[in-house]
Amino acid sequence: MPTVLGLEGSANKVGAGVVRDGVILSNCRATYVTPPGHGFAPGPTGRHHRRKLLGLVGAALRDAGLRPRDLDAVAFTRGPGMGSPLAAVAAVARTLAQVWELPLLGVNHCVGHIEMGRLLGRAPDPLVLYVSGGNTQISNEPSPGYNIEVLARRGRRLVELPYVVKGMDVSFSGLLSHLQAVTPKLLESGEATAEDLCFSLQETAFSMLTEVTERALALTRARHLLLVGGVACNRRLQEMLRTMCRARGAELCPIDERYCVDNGAMIAQAGWEMLRAGQVTELAQSGITQRYRTDEVEVTWRD
């Protein structure tokens, strides 16, 4: 039963978790929180991760009741993500692997989300919808996506916003810029409230995602839908997808919100799958890559 330590730090969250044979033994995390209205820049975020990560590794091992000699490999996020945070975590992973004389496993961040979802969802062959807001996040107090969700629950009026779906593709280009352009007039005239605008933003973006996901279910005839990524925590998105799945005779897999946001355990789980398949990362090939596409990953552990 291989035991893998996973280290994640592609954005403002840094984490360490331990997985053994499909069982999550620990999952420790720290979040770099900036003042309201300020984004998290790569440099300060990377320094935060360097300060926190060794402590999180120690906590993860203690929570799991393990020592370094009980581990079989160290997994880390190679990308995609922000350069400085990724580099900080990769340096720690390489150091630990060499000091403890363990194999190194470079994991794709998106594959980590998917593998954790597959572990918890328990569906044999699901269609996967991966929704993440990290690349468009502009403030963190502690989660702008959650702040929008809370305001949207009180919204009543739907403001028309750009809706772009082309086959299986969606485009959110222009959505925020249009919203910024119309917001002053709508608020000053009383035509809409801040809650209405958040409601409209959510409904528009999630409707686009639900439409293309329904099309994918129809094409693949999948019986299960797996929702993963940080935005999977959003209750409205879950509700829309569940309603759509029910209408198509499909099922939305259970969602454990503790593991939707970035975490070390998901990297450990993906690393566990890689180790089982013999996919070890050589030290010379362990550099980070900020634009590490999901379809670049050779998934040898599944048929």
C-alpha atoms as a PDB file:
ATOM      1  CA  MET A   1       0.000   0.000   0.000  1.00  0.00           C
ATOM      2  CA  PRO A   2       2.013   3.022  -1.230  1.00  0.00           C
ATOM      3  CA  THR A   3       1.898   6.133   0.960  1.00  0.00           C
ATOM      4  CA  VAL A   4       2.395   9.489  -0.759  1.00  0.00           C
ATOM      5  CA  LEU A   5       2.953  12.992   0.602  1.00  0.00           C
ATOM      6  CA  GLY A   6       1.452  15.647  -1.659  1.00  0.00           C
ATOM      7  CA  LEU A   7       2.425  19.338  -1.761  1.00  0.00           C
ATOM      8  CA  GLU A   8       0.226  21.952  -3.450  1.00  0.00           C
ATOM      9  CA  GLY A   9       0.893  25.657  -3.937  1.00  0.00           C
ATOM     10  CA  SER A  10      -0.128  26.855  -7.396  1.00  0.00           C
ATOM     11  CA  ALA A  11      -1.955  29.974  -6.202  1.00  0.00           C
ATOM     12  CA  ASN A  12      -2.766  31.563  -2.845  1.00  0.00           C
ATOM     13  CA  LYS A  13      -3.301  28.307  -0.966  1.00  0.00           C
ATOM     14  CA  VAL A  14      -0.448  26.051   0.121  1.00  0.00           C
ATOM     15  CA  GLY A  15      -1.037  22.572   1.470  1.00  0.00           C
ATOM     16  CA  ALA A  16       0.399  19.228   2.436  1.00  0.00           C
ATOM     17  CA  GLY A  17      -1.556  15.987   2.588  1.00  0.00           C
ATOM     18  CA  VAL A  18      -0.940  12.272   2.854  1.00  0.00           C
ATOM     19  CA  VAL A  19      -2.820   9.537   0.990  1.00  0.00           C
ATOM     20  CA  ARG A  20      -2.417   5.781   1.360  1.00  0.00           C
ATOM     21  CA  ASP A  21      -4.193   3.386  -0.988  1.00  0.00           C
ATOM     22  CA  GLY A  22      -7.233   5.603  -1.564  1.00  0.00           C
ATOM     23  CA  VAL A  23      -7.490   6.762   2.070  1.00  0.00           C
ATOM     24  CA  ILE A  24      -6.856  10.405   2.975  1.00  0.00           C
ATOM     25  CA  LEU A  25      -4.734  10.314   6.132  1.00  0.00           C
ATOM     26  CA  SER A  26      -4.210  14.069   6.483  1.00  0.00           C
ATOM     27  CA  ASN A  27      -4.797  17.360   4.699  1.00  0.00           C
ATOM     28  CA  CYS A  28      -3.290  20.588   6.091  1.00  0.00           C
ATOM     29  CA  ARG A  29      -3.573  23.966   4.388  1.00  0.00           C
ATOM     30  CA  ALA A  30      -2.771  27.671   4.805  1.00  0.00           C
ATOM     31  CA  THR A  31      -4.140  30.582   2.763  1.00  0.00           C
ATOM     32  CA  TYR A  32      -2.332  33.783   1.865  1.00  0.00           C
ATOM     33  CA  VAL A  33      -4.911  36.471   2.651  1.00  0.00           C
ATOM     34  CA  THR A  34      -4.455  39.979   1.246  1.00  0.00           C
ATOM     35  CA  PRO A  35      -6.279  43.181   2.254  1.00  0.00           C
ATOM     36  CA  PRO A  36      -9.782  43.575   0.759  1.00  0.00           C
ATOM     37  CA  GLY A  37      -9.633  44.728  -2.839  1.00  0.00           C
ATOM     38  CA  HIS A  38      -6.067  43.604  -3.411  1.00  0.00           C
ATOM     39  CA  GLY A  39      -5.003  40.602  -5.470  1.00  0.00           C
ATOM     40  CA  PHE A  40      -2.282  38.171  -4.466  1.00  0.00           C
ATOM     41  CA  ALA A  41       0.926  38.902  -6.363  1.00  0.00           C
ATOM     42  CA  PRO A  42       3.343  36.052  -7.209  1.00  0.00           C
ATOM     43  CA  GLY A  43       6.263  37.303  -5.107  1.00  0.00           C
ATOM     44  CA  PRO A  44       4.515  37.750  -1.738  1.00  0.00           C
ATOM     45  CA  THR A  45       2.493  34.586  -2.328  1.00  0.00           C
ATOM     46  CA  GLY A  46       5.651  32.566  -2.943  1.00  0.00           C
ATOM     47  CA  ARG A  47       7.252  33.971   0.215  1.00  0.00           C
ATOM     48  CA  HIS A  48       4.150  33.027   2.193  1.00  0.00           C
ATOM     49  CA  HIS A  49       4.366  29.471   0.883  1.00  0.00           C
ATOM     50  CA  ARG A  50       8.055  29.203   1.810  1.00  0.00           C
ATOM     51  CA  ARG A  51       7.270  30.305   5.364  1.00  0.00           C
ATOM     52  CA  LYS A  52       4.356  27.917   5.800  1.00  0.00           C
ATOM     53  CA  LEU A  53       5.147  24.731   3.887  1.00  0.00           C
ATOM     54  CA  LEU A  54       7.614  22.901   6.167  1.00  0.00           C
ATOM     55  CA  GLY A  55       5.278  23.450   9.110  1.00  0.00           C
ATOM     56  CA  LEU A  56       2.403  22.044   7.072  1.00  0.00           C
ATOM     57  CA  VAL A  57       4.480  19.001   6.114  1.00  0.00           C
ATOM     58  CA  GLY A  58       5.202  18.333   9.790  1.00  0.00           C
ATOM     59  CA  ALA A  59       1.529  18.769  10.668  1.00  0.00           C
ATOM     60  CA  ALA A  60       0.432  16.446   7.851  1.00  0.00           C
ATOM     61  CA  LEU A  61       2.795  13.718   9.022  1.00  0.00           C
ATOM     62  CA  ARG A  62       1.662  14.121  12.641  1.00  0.00           C
ATOM     63  CA  ASP A  63      -2.016  14.015  11.680  1.00  0.00           C
ATOM     64  CA  ALA A  64      -1.357  10.866   9.655  1.00  0.00           C
ATOM     65  CA  GLY A  65       0.630   9.298  12.492  1.00  0.00           C
ATOM     66  CA  LEU A  66       3.609   8.760  10.193  1.00  0.00           C
ATOM     67  CA  ARG A  67       7.315   9.482   9.958  1.00  0.00           C
ATOM     68  CA  PRO A  68       9.268  10.232   6.786  1.00  0.00           C
ATOM     69  CA  ARG A  69      10.467   6.629   6.652  1.00  0.00           C
ATOM     70  CA  ASP A  70       6.825   5.522   6.267  1.00  0.00           C
ATOM     71  CA  LEU A  71       6.453   7.417   2.984  1.00  0.00           C
ATOM     72  CA  ASP A  72       6.957   5.919  -0.462  1.00  0.00           C
ATOM     73  CA  ALA A  73       7.073   9.122  -2.554  1.00  0.00           C
ATOM     74  CA  VAL A  74       6.764  12.910  -2.541  1.00  0.00           C
ATOM     75  CA  ALA A  75       4.328  14.465  -5.028  1.00  0.00           C
ATOM     76  CA  PHE A  76       4.160  18.171  -5.892  1.00  0.00           C
ATOM     77  CA  THR A  77       2.307  20.491  -8.262  1.00  0.00           C
ATOM     78  CA  ARG A  78       4.379  21.197 -11.409  1.00  0.00           C
ATOM     79  CA  GLY A  79       1.726  23.481 -12.881  1.00  0.00           C
ATOM     80  CA  PRO A  80      -0.327  25.193 -14.087  1.00  0.00           C
ATOM     81  CA  GLY A  81      -0.235  28.148 -11.744  1.00  0.00           C
ATOM     82  CA  MET A  82       1.721  31.187 -10.599  1.00  0.00           C
ATOM     83  CA  GLY A  83       5.477  30.956 -11.080  1.00  0.00           C
ATOM     84  CA  SER A  84       6.824  32.011  -7.698  1.00  0.00           C
ATOM     85  CA  PRO A  85       4.425  29.917  -5.574  1.00  0.00           C
ATOM     86  CA  LEU A  86       4.966  26.871  -7.809  1.00  0.00           C
ATOM     87  CA  ALA A  87       8.742  27.279  -7.602  1.00  0.00           C
ATOM     88  CA  ALA A  88       8.677  27.557  -3.805  1.00  0.00           C
ATOM     89  CA  VAL A  89       6.736  24.322  -3.423  1.00  0.00           C
ATOM     90  CA  ALA A  90       8.789  22.472  -6.037  1.00  0.00           C
ATOM     91  CA  ALA A  91      12.022  23.406  -4.230  1.00  0.00           C
ATOM     92  CA  VAL A  92      10.721  21.966  -0.966  1.00  0.00           C
ATOM     93  CA  ALA A  93       9.504  18.800  -2.718  1.00  0.00           C
ATOM     94  CA  ARG A  94      12.850  18.214  -4.430  1.00  0.00           C
ATOM     95  CA  THR A  95      14.721  18.768  -1.169  1.00  0.00           C
ATOM     96  CA  LEU A  96      12.539  16.381   0.835  1.00  0.00           C
ATOM     97  CA  ALA A  97      12.694  13.702  -1.855  1.00  0.00           C
ATOM     98  CA  GLN A  98      16.495  13.837  -1.887  1.00  0.00           C
ATOM     99  CA  VAL A  99      16.934  14.009   1.895  1.00  0.00           C
ATOM    100  CA  TRP A 100      14.471  11.173   2.484  1.00  0.00           C
ATOM    101  CA  GLU A 101      15.656   9.244  -0.602  1.00  0.00           C
ATOM    102  CA  LEU A 102      12.158   8.995  -2.072  1.00  0.00           C
ATOM    103  CA  PRO A 103      10.821   9.102  -5.655  1.00  0.00           C
ATOM    104  CA  LEU A 104       9.573  12.471  -6.890  1.00  0.00           C
ATOM    105  CA  LEU A 105       6.217  12.843  -8.640  1.00  0.00           C
ATOM    106  CA  GLY A 106       5.402  16.007 -10.626  1.00  0.00           C
ATOM    107  CA  VAL A 107       1.601  16.363 -10.781  1.00  0.00           C
ATOM    108  CA  ASN A 108      -0.622  18.441 -13.057  1.00  0.00           C
ATOM    109  CA  HIS A 109      -2.788  20.618 -10.807  1.00  0.00           C
ATOM    110  CA  CYS A 110      -5.964  20.038 -12.837  1.00  0.00           C
ATOM    111  CA  VAL A 111      -5.424  16.275 -12.886  1.00  0.00           C
ATOM    112  CA  GLY A 112      -5.077  16.478  -9.102  1.00  0.00           C
ATOM    113  CA  HIS A 113      -8.547  18.018  -8.834  1.00  0.00           C
ATOM    114  CA  ILE A 114      -9.979  15.372 -11.148  1.00  0.00           C
ATOM    115  CA  GLU A 115      -8.349  12.415  -9.383  1.00  0.00           C
ATOM    116  CA  MET A 116      -9.545  13.616  -5.987  1.00  0.00           C
ATOM    117  CA  GLY A 117     -13.047  13.991  -7.406  1.00  0.00           C
ATOM    118  CA  ARG A 118     -12.898  10.488  -8.836  1.00  0.00           C
ATOM    119  CA  LEU A 119     -11.707   9.104  -5.505  1.00  0.00           C
ATOM    120  CA  LEU A 120     -14.564  10.702  -3.587  1.00  0.00           C
ATOM    121  CA  GLY A 121     -17.272  10.529  -6.274  1.00  0.00           C
ATOM    122  CA  ARG A 122     -16.983   6.751  -6.709  1.00  0.00           C
ATOM    123  CA  ALA A 123     -18.437   6.843 -10.227  1.00  0.00           C
ATOM    124  CA  PRO A 124     -17.070   4.233 -12.662  1.00  0.00           C
ATOM    125  CA  ASP A 125     -16.810   6.400 -15.780  1.00  0.00           C
ATOM    126  CA  PRO A 126     -18.067   9.953 -15.178  1.00  0.00           C
ATOM    127  CA  LEU A 127     -18.133  12.992 -17.391  1.00  0.00           C
ATOM    128  CA  VAL A 128     -15.968  15.617 -15.645  1.00  0.00           C
ATOM    129  CA  LEU A 129     -16.685  19.344 -15.393  1.00  0.00           C
ATOM    130  CA  TYR A 130     -13.696  21.183 -13.914  1.00  0.00           C
ATOM    131  CA  VAL A 131     -14.493  24.759 -12.893  1.00  0.00           C
ATOM    132  CA  SER A 132     -11.819  26.990 -11.372  1.00  0.00           C
ATOM    133  CA  GLY A 133     -11.789  30.708 -10.667  1.00  0.00           C
ATOM    134  CA  GLY A 134      -8.130  31.071  -9.764  1.00  0.00           C
ATOM    135  CA  ASN A 135      -7.013  32.574 -13.069  1.00  0.00           C
ATOM    136  CA  THR A 136      -9.551  35.408 -12.874  1.00  0.00           C
ATOM    137  CA  GLN A 137      -9.455  36.034  -9.133  1.00  0.00           C
ATOM    138  CA  ILE A 138      -8.982  39.748  -8.308  1.00  0.00           C
ATOM    139  CA  SER A 139      -9.369  39.916  -4.506  1.00  0.00           C
ATOM    140  CA  ASN A 140      -9.319  37.525  -1.596  1.00  0.00           C
ATOM    141  CA  GLU A 141     -11.263  38.158   1.600  1.00  0.00           C
ATOM    142  CA  PRO A 142     -11.099  35.158   1.928  1.00  0.00           C
ATOM    143  CA  SER A 143     -12.794  34.095  -1.305  1.00  0.00           C
ATOM    144  CA  PRO A 144     -14.216  36.493  -3.905  1.00  0.00           C
ATOM    145  CA  GLY A 145     -16.177  33.680  -5.538  1.00  0.00           C
ATOM    146  CA  TYR A 146     -17.908  32.971  -2.241  1.00  0.00           C
ATOM    147  CA  ASN A 147     -18.588  36.679  -1.665  1.00  0.00           C
ATOM    148  CA  ILE A 148     -20.312  36.867  -5.048  1.00  0.00           C
ATOM    149  CA  GLU A 149     -22.319  33.746  -4.243  1.00  0.00           C
ATOM    150  CA  VAL A 150     -23.572  35.213  -0.947  1.00  0.00           C
ATOM    151  CA  LEU A 151     -24.672  38.474  -2.595  1.00  0.00           C
ATOM    152  CA  ALA A 152     -26.213  36.594  -5.526  1.00  0.00           C
ATOM    153  CA  ARG A 153     -28.548  34.715  -3.171  1.00  0.00           C
ATOM    154  CA  ARG A 154     -30.281  38.050  -2.487  1.00  0.00           C
ATOM    155  CA  GLY A 155     -30.419  39.134  -6.125  1.00  0.00           C
ATOM    156  CA  ARG A 156     -33.749  39.167  -7.948  1.00  0.00           C
ATOM    157  CA  ARG A 157     -33.339  41.004 -11.268  1.00  0.00           C
ATOM    158  CA  LEU A 158     -31.470  39.360 -14.144  1.00  0.00           C
ATOM    159  CA  VAL A 159     -29.366  41.846 -16.098  1.00  0.00           C
ATOM    160  CA  GLU A 160     -28.595  40.748 -19.655  1.00  0.00           C
ATOM    161  CA  LEU A 161     -24.877  40.001 -20.067  1.00  0.00           C
ATOM    162  CA  PRO A 162     -22.773  38.521 -22.923  1.00  0.00           C
ATOM    163  CA  TYR A 163     -23.574  34.827 -23.371  1.00  0.00           C
ATOM    164  CA  VAL A 164     -21.168  33.028 -25.708  1.00  0.00           C
ATOM    165  CA  VAL A 165     -21.449  29.296 -26.392  1.00  0.00           C
ATOM    166  CA  LYS A 166     -20.060  27.682 -29.539  1.00  0.00           C
ATOM    167  CA  GLY A 167     -20.585  23.939 -29.612  1.00  0.00           C
ATOM    168  CA  MET A 168     -18.638  22.544 -26.680  1.00  0.00           C
ATOM    169  CA  ASP A 169     -16.751  25.802 -26.058  1.00  0.00           C
ATOM    170  CA  VAL A 170     -17.646  28.717 -23.823  1.00  0.00           C
ATOM    171  CA  SER A 171     -16.120  32.185 -23.782  1.00  0.00           C
ATOM    172  CA  PHE A 172     -16.255  34.503 -20.781  1.00  0.00           C
ATOM    173  CA  SER A 173     -14.383  37.232 -22.657  1.00  0.00           C
ATOM    174  CA  GLY A 174     -16.123  40.570 -22.224  1.00  0.00           C
ATOM    175  CA  LEU A 175     -18.364  39.434 -19.380  1.00  0.00           C
ATOM    176  CA  LEU A 176     -16.677  41.417 -16.616  1.00  0.00           C
ATOM    177  CA  SER A 177     -15.820  44.410 -18.802  1.00  0.00           C
ATOM    178  CA  HIS A 178     -19.465  44.700 -19.868  1.00  0.00           C
ATOM    179  CA  LEU A 179     -20.577  44.418 -16.260  1.00  0.00           C
ATOM    180  CA  GLN A 180     -18.119  47.120 -15.193  1.00  0.00           C
ATOM    181  CA  ALA A 181     -19.364  49.394 -17.973  1.00  0.00           C
ATOM    182  CA  VAL A 182     -23.057  49.150 -17.045  1.00  0.00           C
ATOM    183  CA  THR A 183     -22.717  48.957 -13.268  1.00  0.00           C
ATOM    184  CA  PRO A 184     -22.480  52.716 -12.444  1.00  0.00           C
ATOM    185  CA  LYS A 185     -25.594  53.572 -14.465  1.00  0.00           C
ATOM    186  CA  LEU A 186     -27.639  50.664 -13.117  1.00  0.00           C
ATOM    187  CA  LEU A 187     -26.713  51.374  -9.508  1.00  0.00           C
ATOM    188  CA  GLU A 188     -27.237  55.149  -9.757  1.00  0.00           C
ATOM    189  CA  SER A 189     -30.628  54.770 -11.441  1.00  0.00           C
ATOM    190  CA  GLY A 190     -31.774  52.098  -9.040  1.00  0.00           C
ATOM    191  CA  GLU A 191     -32.478  49.714 -11.901  1.00  0.00           C
ATOM    192  CA  ALA A 192     -30.360  47.044 -10.233  1.00  0.00           C
ATOM    193  CA  THR A 193     -28.593  46.406  -6.934  1.00  0.00           C
ATOM    194  CA  ALA A 194     -25.152  44.964  -6.296  1.00  0.00           C
ATOM    195  CA  GLU A 195     -26.935  41.748  -5.370  1.00  0.00           C
ATOM    196  CA  ASP A 196     -28.745  41.747  -8.737  1.00  0.00           C
ATOM    197  CA  LEU A 197     -25.451  42.160 -10.597  1.00  0.00           C
ATOM    198  CA  CYS A 198     -23.810  39.288  -8.703  1.00  0.00           C
ATOM    199  CA  PHE A 199     -26.901  37.186  -9.357  1.00  0.00           C
ATOM    200  CA  SER A 200     -26.752  38.018 -13.071  1.00  0.00           C
ATOM    201  CA  LEU A 201     -23.037  37.237 -13.301  1.00  0.00           C
ATOM    202  CA  GLN A 202     -23.520  33.838 -11.679  1.00  0.00           C
ATOM    203  CA  GLU A 203     -26.610  32.904 -13.650  1.00  0.00           C
ATOM    204  CA  THR A 204     -25.008  33.835 -16.979  1.00  0.00           C
ATOM    205  CA  ALA A 205     -21.682  32.066 -16.417  1.00  0.00           C
ATOM    206  CA  PHE A 206     -23.240  28.960 -14.888  1.00  0.00           C
ATOM    207  CA  SER A 207     -25.920  28.722 -17.560  1.00  0.00           C
ATOM    208  CA  MET A 208     -23.198  28.617 -20.193  1.00  0.00           C
ATOM    209  CA  LEU A 209     -21.403  25.840 -18.306  1.00  0.00           C
ATOM    210  CA  THR A 210     -24.616  23.893 -17.786  1.00  0.00           C
ATOM    211  CA  GLU A 211     -25.516  24.138 -21.484  1.00  0.00           C
ATOM    212  CA  VAL A 212     -22.226  22.717 -22.752  1.00  0.00           C
ATOM    213  CA  THR A 213     -22.200  20.074 -20.013  1.00  0.00           C
ATOM    214  CA  GLU A 214     -25.674  18.918 -21.034  1.00  0.00           C
ATOM    215  CA  ARG A 215     -24.457  18.705 -24.622  1.00  0.00           C
ATOM    216  CA  ALA A 216     -21.492  16.614 -23.485  1.00  0.00           C
ATOM    217  CA  LEU A 217     -23.779  14.277 -21.527  1.00  0.00           C
ATOM    218  CA  ALA A 218     -25.931  13.817 -24.627  1.00  0.00           C
ATOM    219  CA  LEU A 219     -22.890  13.047 -26.801  1.00  0.00           C
ATOM    220  CA  THR A 220     -21.161  10.681 -24.371  1.00  0.00           C
ATOM    221  CA  ARG A 221     -24.310   9.163 -22.849  1.00  0.00           C
ATOM    222  CA  ALA A 222     -22.545   9.293 -19.490  1.00  0.00           C
ATOM    223  CA  ARG A 223     -24.646   8.379 -16.470  1.00  0.00           C
ATOM    224  CA  HIS A 224     -22.643  10.357 -13.928  1.00  0.00           C
ATOM    225  CA  LEU A 225     -21.338  13.922 -13.827  1.00  0.00           C
ATOM    226  CA  LEU A 226     -18.343  14.776 -11.663  1.00  0.00           C
ATOM    227  CA  LEU A 227     -17.949  18.454 -10.682  1.00  0.00           C
ATOM    228  CA  VAL A 228     -14.460  19.411  -9.488  1.00  0.00           C
ATOM    229  CA  GLY A 229     -12.368  22.536  -8.877  1.00  0.00           C
ATOM    230  CA  GLY A 230     -12.731  25.403  -6.441  1.00  0.00           C
ATOM    231  CA  VAL A 231     -15.986  26.667  -7.980  1.00  0.00           C
ATOM    232  CA  ALA A 232     -17.529  23.244  -7.347  1.00  0.00           C
ATOM    233  CA  CYS A 233     -18.277  24.603  -3.847  1.00  0.00           C
ATOM    234  CA  ASN A 234     -20.863  26.979  -5.310  1.00  0.00           C
ATOM    235  CA  ARG A 235     -24.342  25.843  -4.284  1.00  0.00           C
ATOM    236  CA  ARG A 236     -26.105  27.491  -7.219  1.00  0.00           C
ATOM    237  CA  LEU A 237     -23.863  25.749  -9.752  1.00  0.00           C
ATOM    238  CA  GLN A 238     -24.521  22.446  -7.999  1.00  0.00           C
ATOM    239  CA  GLU A 239     -28.274  23.113  -8.101  1.00  0.00           C
ATOM    240  CA  MET A 240     -28.292  23.941 -11.826  1.00  0.00           C
ATOM    241  CA  LEU A 241     -26.239  20.883 -12.747  1.00  0.00           C
ATOM    242  CA  ARG A 242     -28.292  18.594 -10.526  1.00  0.00           C
ATOM    243  CA  THR A 243     -31.525  19.803 -12.147  1.00  0.00           C
ATOM    244  CA  MET A 244     -30.066  19.304 -15.622  1.00  0.00           C
ATOM    245  CA  CYS A 245     -28.759  15.829 -14.766  1.00  0.00           C
ATOM    246  CA  ARG A 246     -32.098  14.787 -13.339  1.00  0.00           C
ATOM    247  CA  ALA A 247     -33.843  15.835 -16.565  1.00  0.00           C
ATOM    248  CA  ARG A 248     -31.409  13.680 -18.576  1.00  0.00           C
ATOM    249  CA  GLY A 249     -31.586  10.633 -16.298  1.00  0.00           C
ATOM    250  CA  ALA A 250     -28.023  11.218 -15.087  1.00  0.00           C
ATOM    251  CA  GLU A 251     -26.636  11.792 -11.609  1.00  0.00           C
ATOM    252  CA  LEU A 252     -24.400  14.497 -10.162  1.00  0.00           C
ATOM    253  CA  CYS A 253     -21.770  12.788  -8.040  1.00  0.00           C
ATOM    254  CA  PRO A 254     -21.516  13.771  -4.357  1.00  0.00           C
ATOM    255  CA  ILE A 255     -19.289  16.784  -3.714  1.00  0.00           C
ATOM    256  CA  ASP A 256     -17.067  17.026  -0.644  1.00  0.00           C
ATOM    257  CA  GLU A 257     -16.362  20.734  -0.314  1.00  0.00           C
ATOM    258  CA  ARG A 258     -13.325  20.131   1.925  1.00  0.00           C
ATOM    259  CA  TYR A 259     -11.458  18.876  -1.129  1.00  0.00           C
ATOM    260  CA  CYS A 260     -12.820  21.183  -3.845  1.00  0.00           C
ATOM    261  CA  VAL A 261     -10.430  24.044  -3.134  1.00  0.00           C
ATOM    262  CA  ASP A 262      -6.699  23.545  -3.711  1.00  0.00           C
ATOM    263  CA  ASN A 263      -5.202  21.062  -1.243  1.00  0.00           C
ATOM    264  CA  GLY A 264      -2.230  18.756  -0.770  1.00  0.00           C
ATOM    265  CA  ALA A 265      -4.282  15.582  -0.548  1.00  0.00           C
ATOM    266  CA  MET A 266      -5.432  15.884  -4.154  1.00  0.00           C
ATOM    267  CA  ILE A 267      -1.801  16.098  -5.287  1.00  0.00           C
ATOM    268  CA  ALA A 268      -0.978  13.092  -3.118  1.00  0.00           C
ATOM    269  CA  GLN A 269      -3.841  11.111  -4.687  1.00  0.00           C
ATOM    270  CA  ALA A 270      -2.771  11.921  -8.251  1.00  0.00           C
ATOM    271  CA  GLY A 271       0.814  11.139  -7.271  1.00  0.00           C
ATOM    272  CA  TRP A 272      -0.308   7.822  -5.811  1.00  0.00           C
ATOM    273  CA  GLU A 273      -1.870   6.919  -9.160  1.00  0.00           C
ATOM    274  CA  MET A 274       1.331   7.937 -10.972  1.00  0.00           C
ATOM    275  CA  LEU A 275       3.514   5.898  -8.630  1.00  0.00           C
ATOM    276  CA  ARG A 276       1.295   2.873  -9.050  1.00  0.00           C
ATOM    277  CA  ALA A 277       1.708   3.189 -12.827  1.00  0.00           C
ATOM    278  CA  GLY A 278       5.464   3.664 -12.588  1.00  0.00           C
ATOM    279  CA  GLN A 279       5.351   7.322 -13.689  1.00  0.00           C
ATOM    280  CA  VAL A 280       8.195   8.797 -11.628  1.00  0.00           C
ATOM    281  CA  THR A 281       9.605  12.282 -12.311  1.00  0.00           C
ATOM    282  CA  GLU A 282      13.362  12.448 -12.693  1.00  0.00           C
ATOM    283  CA  LEU A 283      15.054  15.245 -10.770  1.00  0.00           C
ATOM    284  CA  ALA A 284      16.329  16.792 -14.005  1.00  0.00           C
ATOM    285  CA  GLN A 285      12.742  16.922 -15.329  1.00  0.00           C
ATOM    286  CA  SER A 286      11.150  18.334 -12.167  1.00  0.00           C
ATOM    287  CA  GLY A 287      10.991  21.990 -13.182  1.00  0.00           C
ATOM    288  CA  ILE A 288       7.704  23.846 -12.954  1.00  0.00           C
ATOM    289  CA  THR A 289       5.617  24.830 -15.970  1.00  0.00           C
ATOM    290  CA  GLN A 290       3.042  27.602 -15.531  1.00  0.00           C
ATOM    291  CA  ARG A 291       1.066  26.557 -18.611  1.00  0.00           C
ATOM    292  CA  TYR A 292       0.860  22.820 -18.009  1.00  0.00           C
ATOM    293  CA  ARG A 293      -2.161  21.758 -20.069  1.00  0.00           C
ATOM    294  CA  THR A 294      -4.318  18.910 -18.857  1.00  0.00           C
ATOM    295  CA  ASP A 295      -4.188  17.213 -22.256  1.00  0.00           C
ATOM    296  CA  GLU A 296      -0.370  17.112 -22.050  1.00  0.00           C
ATOM    297  CA  VAL A 297      -0.555  14.580 -19.227  1.00  0.00           C
ATOM    298  CA  GLU A 298      -0.035  10.935 -20.155  1.00  0.00           C
ATOM    299  CA  VAL A 299      -2.609   9.213 -17.957  1.00  0.00           C
ATOM    300  CA  THR A 300      -1.230   5.675 -17.967  1.00  0.00           C
ATOM    301  CA  TRP A 301      -3.137   4.569 -14.876  1.00  0.00           C
ATOM    302  CA  ARG A 302      -6.536   4.460 -16.620  1.00  0.00           C
ATOM    303  CA  ASP A 303      -7.823   2.489 -19.571  1.00  0.00           C
END
